[in-house]
Amino acid sequence: MKRTGLIWCLVCLAACVAFMRPASGCAEGLPIGSTLPSFVLPVPATQEEMNYLGLKERAPFSLSQVSAKLILIEVVNAL
């Protein structure tokens, strides 16, 4: 029984290693020093969020309309 458990453990470990390799064949990132392509974001949900972003009108907006010295963008790839 112990041998079967060990084999399953090794099979699972091998599967994890196979699926965790870097995605080198996926889309390439932007070159260093390039600018982010223009895109539009949805209207913020609350007036408080609009005030935080410095937006004056309730409409979809672009990052150039946000009054900030630095904008940090986090990209999450969830399947």
PDB file of N, CA and C in Angstrom:
ATOM      1  N   MET A   1       0.826  -1.192   0.000  1.00  0.00           N
ATOM      2  CA  MET A   1       0.000   0.000   0.000  1.00  0.00           C
ATOM      3  C   MET A   1       0.872   1.258   0.000  1.00  0.00           C
ATOM      4  N   LYS A   2       1.971   1.235   0.736  1.00  0.00           N
ATOM      5  CA  LYS A   2       2.855   2.393   0.789  1.00  0.00           C
ATOM      6  C   LYS A   2       3.462   2.689  -0.579  1.00  0.00           C
ATOM      7  N   ARG A   3       3.780   1.637  -1.313  1.00  0.00           N
ATOM      8  CA  ARG A   3       4.403   1.808  -2.629  1.00  0.00           C
ATOM      9  C   ARG A   3       3.442   2.517  -3.590  1.00  0.00           C
ATOM     10  N   THR A   4       2.168   2.155  -3.562  1.00  0.00           N
ATOM     11  CA  THR A   4       1.166   2.788  -4.420  1.00  0.00           C
ATOM     12  C   THR A   4       1.040   4.272  -4.076  1.00  0.00           C
ATOM     13  N   GLY A   5       1.038   4.597  -2.808  1.00  0.00           N
ATOM     14  CA  GLY A   5       0.962   5.998  -2.377  1.00  0.00           C
ATOM     15  C   GLY A   5       2.172   6.792  -2.841  1.00  0.00           C
ATOM     16  N   LEU A   6       3.345   6.193  -2.786  1.00  0.00           N
ATOM     17  CA  LEU A   6       4.566   6.845  -3.233  1.00  0.00           C
ATOM     18  C   LEU A   6       4.531   7.087  -4.739  1.00  0.00           C
ATOM     19  N   ILE A   7       4.033   6.115  -5.485  1.00  0.00           N
ATOM     20  CA  ILE A   7       3.939   6.273  -6.940  1.00  0.00           C
ATOM     21  C   ILE A   7       2.981   7.407  -7.283  1.00  0.00           C
ATOM     22  N   TRP A   8       1.819   7.454  -6.635  1.00  0.00           N
ATOM     23  CA  TRP A   8       0.861   8.537  -6.891  1.00  0.00           C
ATOM     24  C   TRP A   8       1.455   9.899  -6.535  1.00  0.00           C
ATOM     25  N   CYS A   9       2.202   9.940  -5.458  1.00  0.00           N
ATOM     26  CA  CYS A   9       2.849  11.191  -5.046  1.00  0.00           C
ATOM     27  C   CYS A   9       3.842  11.652  -6.114  1.00  0.00           C
ATOM     28  N   LEU A  10       4.627  10.739  -6.646  1.00  0.00           N
ATOM     29  CA  LEU A  10       5.597  11.090  -7.687  1.00  0.00           C
ATOM     30  C   LEU A  10       4.907  11.512  -8.987  1.00  0.00           C
ATOM     31  N   VAL A  11       3.802  10.850  -9.335  1.00  0.00           N
ATOM     32  CA  VAL A  11       3.051  11.221 -10.528  1.00  0.00           C
ATOM     33  C   VAL A  11       2.493  12.639 -10.377  1.00  0.00           C
ATOM     34  N   CYS A  12       1.917  12.935  -9.219  1.00  0.00           N
ATOM     35  CA  CYS A  12       1.382  14.282  -8.969  1.00  0.00           C
ATOM     36  C   CYS A  12       2.486  15.335  -9.001  1.00  0.00           C
ATOM     37  N   LEU A  13       3.624  15.031  -8.418  1.00  0.00           N
ATOM     38  CA  LEU A  13       4.751  15.958  -8.420  1.00  0.00           C
ATOM     39  C   LEU A  13       5.233  16.224  -9.847  1.00  0.00           C
ATOM     40  N   ALA A  14       5.327  15.166 -10.654  1.00  0.00           N
ATOM     41  CA  ALA A  14       5.751  15.330 -12.048  1.00  0.00           C
ATOM     42  C   ALA A  14       4.749  16.175 -12.831  1.00  0.00           C
ATOM     43  N   ALA A  15       3.453  15.966 -12.574  1.00  0.00           N
ATOM     44  CA  ALA A  15       2.419  16.762 -13.254  1.00  0.00           C
ATOM     45  C   ALA A  15       2.528  18.229 -12.859  1.00  0.00           C
ATOM     46  N   CYS A  16       2.753  18.501 -11.587  1.00  0.00           N
ATOM     47  CA  CYS A  16       2.907  19.891 -11.124  1.00  0.00           C
ATOM     48  C   CYS A  16       4.107  20.560 -11.788  1.00  0.00           C
ATOM     49  N   VAL A  17       5.205  19.879 -11.853  1.00  0.00           N
ATOM     50  CA  VAL A  17       6.410  20.436 -12.473  1.00  0.00           C
ATOM     51  C   VAL A  17       6.159  20.694 -13.960  1.00  0.00           C
ATOM     52  N   ALA A  18       5.470  19.783 -14.617  1.00  0.00           N
ATOM     53  CA  ALA A  18       5.210  19.943 -16.053  1.00  0.00           C
ATOM     54  C   ALA A  18       4.320  21.144 -16.330  1.00  0.00           C
ATOM     55  N   PHE A  19       3.336  21.398 -15.467  1.00  0.00           N
ATOM     56  CA  PHE A  19       2.404  22.502 -15.704  1.00  0.00           C
ATOM     57  C   PHE A  19       2.884  23.831 -15.144  1.00  0.00           C
ATOM     58  N   MET A  20       3.944  23.851 -14.354  1.00  0.00           N
ATOM     59  CA  MET A  20       4.415  25.097 -13.745  1.00  0.00           C
ATOM     60  C   MET A  20       5.585  25.714 -14.492  1.00  0.00           C
ATOM     61  N   ARG A  21       5.957  25.155 -15.625  1.00  0.00           N
ATOM     62  CA  ARG A  21       7.073  25.741 -16.368  1.00  0.00           C
ATOM     63  C   ARG A  21       6.670  27.114 -16.888  1.00  0.00           C
ATOM     64  N   PRO A  22       7.606  28.006 -17.133  1.00  0.00           N
ATOM     65  CA  PRO A  22       7.271  29.345 -17.613  1.00  0.00           C
ATOM     66  C   PRO A  22       6.581  29.295 -18.973  1.00  0.00           C
ATOM     67  N   ALA A  23       5.709  30.240 -19.186  1.00  0.00           N
ATOM     68  CA  ALA A  23       4.949  30.301 -20.433  1.00  0.00           C
ATOM     69  C   ALA A  23       5.752  31.062 -21.477  1.00  0.00           C
ATOM     70  N   SER A  24       6.811  30.472 -21.963  1.00  0.00           N
ATOM     71  CA  SER A  24       7.677  31.154 -22.913  1.00  0.00           C
ATOM     72  C   SER A  24       7.038  31.281 -24.285  1.00  0.00           C
ATOM     73  N   GLY A  25       6.073  30.446 -24.597  1.00  0.00           N
ATOM     74  CA  GLY A  25       5.435  30.497 -25.902  1.00  0.00           C
ATOM     75  C   GLY A  25       4.238  31.433 -25.944  1.00  0.00           C
ATOM     76  N   CYS A  26       3.926  32.087 -24.835  1.00  0.00           N
ATOM     77  CA  CYS A  26       2.764  32.974 -24.772  1.00  0.00           C
ATOM     78  C   CYS A  26       3.105  34.348 -25.347  1.00  0.00           C
ATOM     79  N   ALA A  27       2.122  35.218 -25.299  1.00  0.00           N
ATOM     80  CA  ALA A  27       2.287  36.570 -25.831  1.00  0.00           C
ATOM     81  C   ALA A  27       3.477  37.268 -25.174  1.00  0.00           C
ATOM     82  N   GLU A  28       4.175  38.042 -25.966  1.00  0.00           N
ATOM     83  CA  GLU A  28       5.343  38.751 -25.451  1.00  0.00           C
ATOM     84  C   GLU A  28       4.900  40.034 -24.760  1.00  0.00           C
ATOM     85  N   GLY A  29       5.673  40.481 -23.777  1.00  0.00           N
ATOM     86  CA  GLY A  29       5.378  41.712 -23.081  1.00  0.00           C
ATOM     87  C   GLY A  29       5.820  42.917 -23.888  1.00  0.00           C
ATOM     88  N   LEU A  30       5.549  44.092 -23.343  1.00  0.00           N
ATOM     89  CA  LEU A  30       5.973  45.327 -23.999  1.00  0.00           C
ATOM     90  C   LEU A  30       7.469  45.505 -23.819  1.00  0.00           C
ATOM     91  N   PRO A  31       8.152  46.042 -24.800  1.00  0.00           N
ATOM     92  CA  PRO A  31       9.582  46.310 -24.633  1.00  0.00           C
ATOM     93  C   PRO A  31       9.817  47.376 -23.556  1.00  0.00           C
ATOM     94  N   ILE A  32      10.923  47.295 -22.885  1.00  0.00           N
ATOM     95  CA  ILE A  32      11.266  48.263 -21.842  1.00  0.00           C
ATOM     96  C   ILE A  32      11.341  49.651 -22.451  1.00  0.00           C
ATOM     97  N   GLY A  33      10.711  50.617 -21.785  1.00  0.00           N
ATOM     98  CA  GLY A  33      10.732  52.001 -22.248  1.00  0.00           C
ATOM     99  C   GLY A  33       9.581  52.354 -23.166  1.00  0.00           C
ATOM    100  N   SER A  34       8.759  51.385 -23.545  1.00  0.00           N
ATOM    101  CA  SER A  34       7.630  51.690 -24.429  1.00  0.00           C
ATOM    102  C   SER A  34       6.449  52.221 -23.604  1.00  0.00           C
ATOM    103  N   THR A  35       5.471  52.774 -24.280  1.00  0.00           N
ATOM    104  CA  THR A  35       4.302  53.298 -23.582  1.00  0.00           C
ATOM    105  C   THR A  35       3.171  52.283 -23.614  1.00  0.00           C
ATOM    106  N   LEU A  36       2.320  52.373 -22.617  1.00  0.00           N
ATOM    107  CA  LEU A  36       1.172  51.484 -22.518  1.00  0.00           C
ATOM    108  C   LEU A  36       0.140  51.883 -23.558  1.00  0.00           C
ATOM    109  N   PRO A  37      -0.427  50.938 -24.277  1.00  0.00           N
ATOM    110  CA  PRO A  37      -1.454  51.281 -25.263  1.00  0.00           C
ATOM    111  C   PRO A  37      -2.657  51.943 -24.585  1.00  0.00           C
ATOM    112  N   SER A  38      -3.353  52.782 -25.302  1.00  0.00           N
ATOM    113  CA  SER A  38      -4.517  53.490 -24.768  1.00  0.00           C
ATOM    114  C   SER A  38      -5.683  52.520 -24.591  1.00  0.00           C
ATOM    115  N   PHE A  39      -6.394  52.654 -23.480  1.00  0.00           N
ATOM    116  CA  PHE A  39      -7.593  51.856 -23.247  1.00  0.00           C
ATOM    117  C   PHE A  39      -8.537  52.629 -22.334  1.00  0.00           C
ATOM    118  N   VAL A  40      -9.803  52.229 -22.312  1.00  0.00           N
ATOM    119  CA  VAL A  40     -10.828  52.923 -21.534  1.00  0.00           C
ATOM    120  C   VAL A  40     -11.275  52.032 -20.389  1.00  0.00           C
ATOM    121  N   LEU A  41     -11.430  52.643 -19.211  1.00  0.00           N
ATOM    122  CA  LEU A  41     -11.877  51.927 -18.015  1.00  0.00           C
ATOM    123  C   LEU A  41     -13.332  52.282 -17.725  1.00  0.00           C
ATOM    124  N   PRO A  42     -14.079  51.388 -17.066  1.00  0.00           N
ATOM    125  CA  PRO A  42     -15.484  51.673 -16.770  1.00  0.00           C
ATOM    126  C   PRO A  42     -15.645  52.759 -15.715  1.00  0.00           C
ATOM    127  N   VAL A  43     -16.845  53.288 -15.636  1.00  0.00           N
ATOM    128  CA  VAL A  43     -17.177  54.323 -14.649  1.00  0.00           C
ATOM    129  C   VAL A  43     -16.986  53.749 -13.246  1.00  0.00           C
ATOM    130  N   PRO A  44     -16.325  54.477 -12.334  1.00  0.00           N
ATOM    131  CA  PRO A  44     -16.184  53.993 -10.959  1.00  0.00           C
ATOM    132  C   PRO A  44     -17.558  53.779 -10.317  1.00  0.00           C
ATOM    133  N   ALA A  45     -17.635  52.826  -9.396  1.00  0.00           N
ATOM    134  CA  ALA A  45     -18.907  52.443  -8.786  1.00  0.00           C
ATOM    135  C   ALA A  45     -19.478  53.517  -7.863  1.00  0.00           C
ATOM    136  N   THR A  46     -18.629  54.250  -7.157  1.00  0.00           N
ATOM    137  CA  THR A  46     -19.120  55.229  -6.179  1.00  0.00           C
ATOM    138  C   THR A  46     -18.504  56.606  -6.431  1.00  0.00           C
ATOM    139  N   GLN A  47     -19.144  57.606  -5.843  1.00  0.00           N
ATOM    140  CA  GLN A  47     -18.630  58.974  -5.919  1.00  0.00           C
ATOM    141  C   GLN A  47     -17.287  59.073  -5.186  1.00  0.00           C
ATOM    142  N   GLU A  48     -17.145  58.295  -4.125  1.00  0.00           N
ATOM    143  CA  GLU A  48     -15.889  58.288  -3.358  1.00  0.00           C
ATOM    144  C   GLU A  48     -14.724  57.830  -4.237  1.00  0.00           C
ATOM    145  N   GLU A  49     -14.947  56.798  -5.055  1.00  0.00           N
ATOM    146  CA  GLU A  49     -13.904  56.322  -5.963  1.00  0.00           C
ATOM    147  C   GLU A  49     -13.583  57.369  -7.024  1.00  0.00           C
ATOM    148  N   MET A  50     -14.603  58.081  -7.501  1.00  0.00           N
ATOM    149  CA  MET A  50     -14.373  59.143  -8.483  1.00  0.00           C
ATOM    150  C   MET A  50     -13.528  60.257  -7.879  1.00  0.00           C
ATOM    151  N   ASN A  51     -13.849  60.634  -6.646  1.00  0.00           N
ATOM    152  CA  ASN A  51     -13.071  61.671  -5.958  1.00  0.00           C
ATOM    153  C   ASN A  51     -11.626  61.223  -5.756  1.00  0.00           C
ATOM    154  N   TYR A  52     -11.442  59.958  -5.391  1.00  0.00           N
ATOM    155  CA  TYR A  52     -10.098  59.425  -5.163  1.00  0.00           C
ATOM    156  C   TYR A  52      -9.258  59.498  -6.440  1.00  0.00           C
ATOM    157  N   LEU A  53      -9.884  59.192  -7.577  1.00  0.00           N
ATOM    158  CA  LEU A  53      -9.178  59.216  -8.858  1.00  0.00           C
ATOM    159  C   LEU A  53      -9.072  60.627  -9.441  1.00  0.00           C
ATOM    160  N   GLY A  54      -9.816  61.574  -8.883  1.00  0.00           N
ATOM    161  CA  GLY A  54      -9.788  62.940  -9.389  1.00  0.00           C
ATOM    162  C   GLY A  54     -10.600  63.129 -10.658  1.00  0.00           C
ATOM    163  N   LEU A  55     -11.615  62.298 -10.845  1.00  0.00           N
ATOM    164  CA  LEU A  55     -12.454  62.395 -12.038  1.00  0.00           C
ATOM    165  C   LEU A  55     -13.589  63.382 -11.796  1.00  0.00           C
ATOM    166  N   LYS A  56     -13.943  64.148 -12.817  1.00  0.00           N
ATOM    167  CA  LYS A  56     -14.960  65.177 -12.668  1.00  0.00           C
ATOM    168  C   LYS A  56     -16.332  64.736 -13.190  1.00  0.00           C
ATOM    169  N   GLU A  57     -16.369  63.913 -14.216  1.00  0.00           N
ATOM    170  CA  GLU A  57     -17.660  63.491 -14.752  1.00  0.00           C
ATOM    171  C   GLU A  57     -17.832  61.979 -14.668  1.00  0.00           C
ATOM    172  N   ARG A  58     -19.074  61.568 -14.571  1.00  0.00           N
ATOM    173  CA  ARG A  58     -19.406  60.152 -14.435  1.00  0.00           C
ATOM    174  C   ARG A  58     -19.502  59.515 -15.826  1.00  0.00           C
ATOM    175  N   ALA A  59     -18.364  59.067 -16.342  1.00  0.00           N
ATOM    176  CA  ALA A  59     -18.289  58.475 -17.667  1.00  0.00           C
ATOM    177  C   ALA A  59     -17.055  57.573 -17.717  1.00  0.00           C
ATOM    178  N   PRO A  60     -17.005  56.661 -18.685  1.00  0.00           N
ATOM    179  CA  PRO A  60     -15.779  55.863 -18.841  1.00  0.00           C
ATOM    180  C   PRO A  60     -14.574  56.802 -18.997  1.00  0.00           C
ATOM    181  N   PHE A  61     -13.426  56.371 -18.518  1.00  0.00           N
ATOM    182  CA  PHE A  61     -12.257  57.256 -18.500  1.00  0.00           C
ATOM    183  C   PHE A  61     -10.996  56.528 -18.918  1.00  0.00           C
ATOM    184  N   SER A  62      -9.972  57.287 -19.250  1.00  0.00           N
ATOM    185  CA  SER A  62      -8.659  56.719 -19.569  1.00  0.00           C
ATOM    186  C   SER A  62      -7.689  57.106 -18.458  1.00  0.00           C
ATOM    187  N   LEU A  63      -6.554  56.474 -18.437  1.00  0.00           N
ATOM    188  CA  LEU A  63      -5.577  56.752 -17.372  1.00  0.00           C
ATOM    189  C   LEU A  63      -5.063  58.182 -17.409  1.00  0.00           C
ATOM    190  N   SER A  64      -5.082  58.807 -18.576  1.00  0.00           N
ATOM    191  CA  SER A  64      -4.605  60.188 -18.671  1.00  0.00           C
ATOM    192  C   SER A  64      -5.515  61.157 -17.920  1.00  0.00           C
ATOM    193  N   GLN A  65      -6.729  60.758 -17.599  1.00  0.00           N
ATOM    194  CA  GLN A  65      -7.660  61.613 -16.867  1.00  0.00           C
ATOM    195  C   GLN A  65      -7.496  61.505 -15.356  1.00  0.00           C
ATOM    196  N   VAL A  66      -6.735  60.530 -14.880  1.00  0.00           N
ATOM    197  CA  VAL A  66      -6.531  60.338 -13.449  1.00  0.00           C
ATOM    198  C   VAL A  66      -5.471  61.323 -12.971  1.00  0.00           C
ATOM    199  N   SER A  67      -5.814  62.064 -11.904  1.00  0.00           N
ATOM    200  CA  SER A  67      -4.863  63.055 -11.396  1.00  0.00           C
ATOM    201  C   SER A  67      -3.955  62.394 -10.354  1.00  0.00           C
ATOM    202  N   ALA A  68      -2.828  61.872 -10.829  1.00  0.00           N
ATOM    203  CA  ALA A  68      -1.861  61.215  -9.953  1.00  0.00           C
ATOM    204  C   ALA A  68      -0.473  61.333 -10.560  1.00  0.00           C
ATOM    205  N   LYS A  69       0.537  61.353  -9.695  1.00  0.00           N
ATOM    206  CA  LYS A  69       1.916  61.378 -10.169  1.00  0.00           C
ATOM    207  C   LYS A  69       2.363  59.985 -10.598  1.00  0.00           C
ATOM    208  N   LEU A  70       1.807  58.954  -9.959  1.00  0.00           N
ATOM    209  CA  LEU A  70       2.192  57.579 -10.245  1.00  0.00           C
ATOM    210  C   LEU A  70       0.927  56.724 -10.279  1.00  0.00           C
ATOM    211  N   ILE A  71       0.810  55.889 -11.308  1.00  0.00           N
ATOM    212  CA  ILE A  71      -0.296  54.946 -11.398  1.00  0.00           C
ATOM    213  C   ILE A  71       0.306  53.545 -11.463  1.00  0.00           C
ATOM    214  N   LEU A  72      -0.071  52.710 -10.532  1.00  0.00           N
ATOM    215  CA  LEU A  72       0.408  51.338 -10.464  1.00  0.00           C
ATOM    216  C   LEU A  72      -0.685  50.433 -11.010  1.00  0.00           C
ATOM    217  N   ILE A  73      -0.355  49.646 -12.027  1.00  0.00           N
ATOM    218  CA  ILE A  73      -1.320  48.751 -12.654  1.00  0.00           C
ATOM    219  C   ILE A  73      -0.938  47.327 -12.320  1.00  0.00           C
ATOM    220  N   GLU A  74      -1.872  46.588 -11.738  1.00  0.00           N
ATOM    221  CA  GLU A  74      -1.649  45.186 -11.419  1.00  0.00           C
ATOM    222  C   GLU A  74      -2.468  44.353 -12.394  1.00  0.00           C
ATOM    223  N   VAL A  75      -1.805  43.440 -13.068  1.00  0.00           N
ATOM    224  CA  VAL A  75      -2.481  42.577 -14.021  1.00  0.00           C
ATOM    225  C   VAL A  75      -2.539  41.174 -13.441  1.00  0.00           C
ATOM    226  N   VAL A  76      -3.736  40.637 -13.362  1.00  0.00           N
ATOM    227  CA  VAL A  76      -3.939  39.300 -12.828  1.00  0.00           C
ATOM    228  C   VAL A  76      -4.511  38.449 -13.939  1.00  0.00           C
ATOM    229  N   ASN A  77      -3.881  37.348 -14.220  1.00  0.00           N
ATOM    230  CA  ASN A  77      -4.348  36.436 -15.245  1.00  0.00           C
ATOM    231  C   ASN A  77      -5.019  35.263 -14.558  1.00  0.00           C
ATOM    232  N   ALA A  78      -6.338  35.306 -14.481  1.00  0.00           N
ATOM    233  CA  ALA A  78      -7.093  34.220 -13.845  1.00  0.00           C
ATOM    234  C   ALA A  78      -7.916  33.509 -14.896  1.00  0.00           C
ATOM    235  N   LEU A  79      -7.759  32.221 -14.973  1.00  0.00           N
ATOM    236  CA  LEU A  79      -8.516  31.430 -15.938  1.00  0.00           C
ATOM    237  C   LEU A  79      -9.805  30.956 -15.345  1.00  0.00           C
TER     238      LEU A  79
END
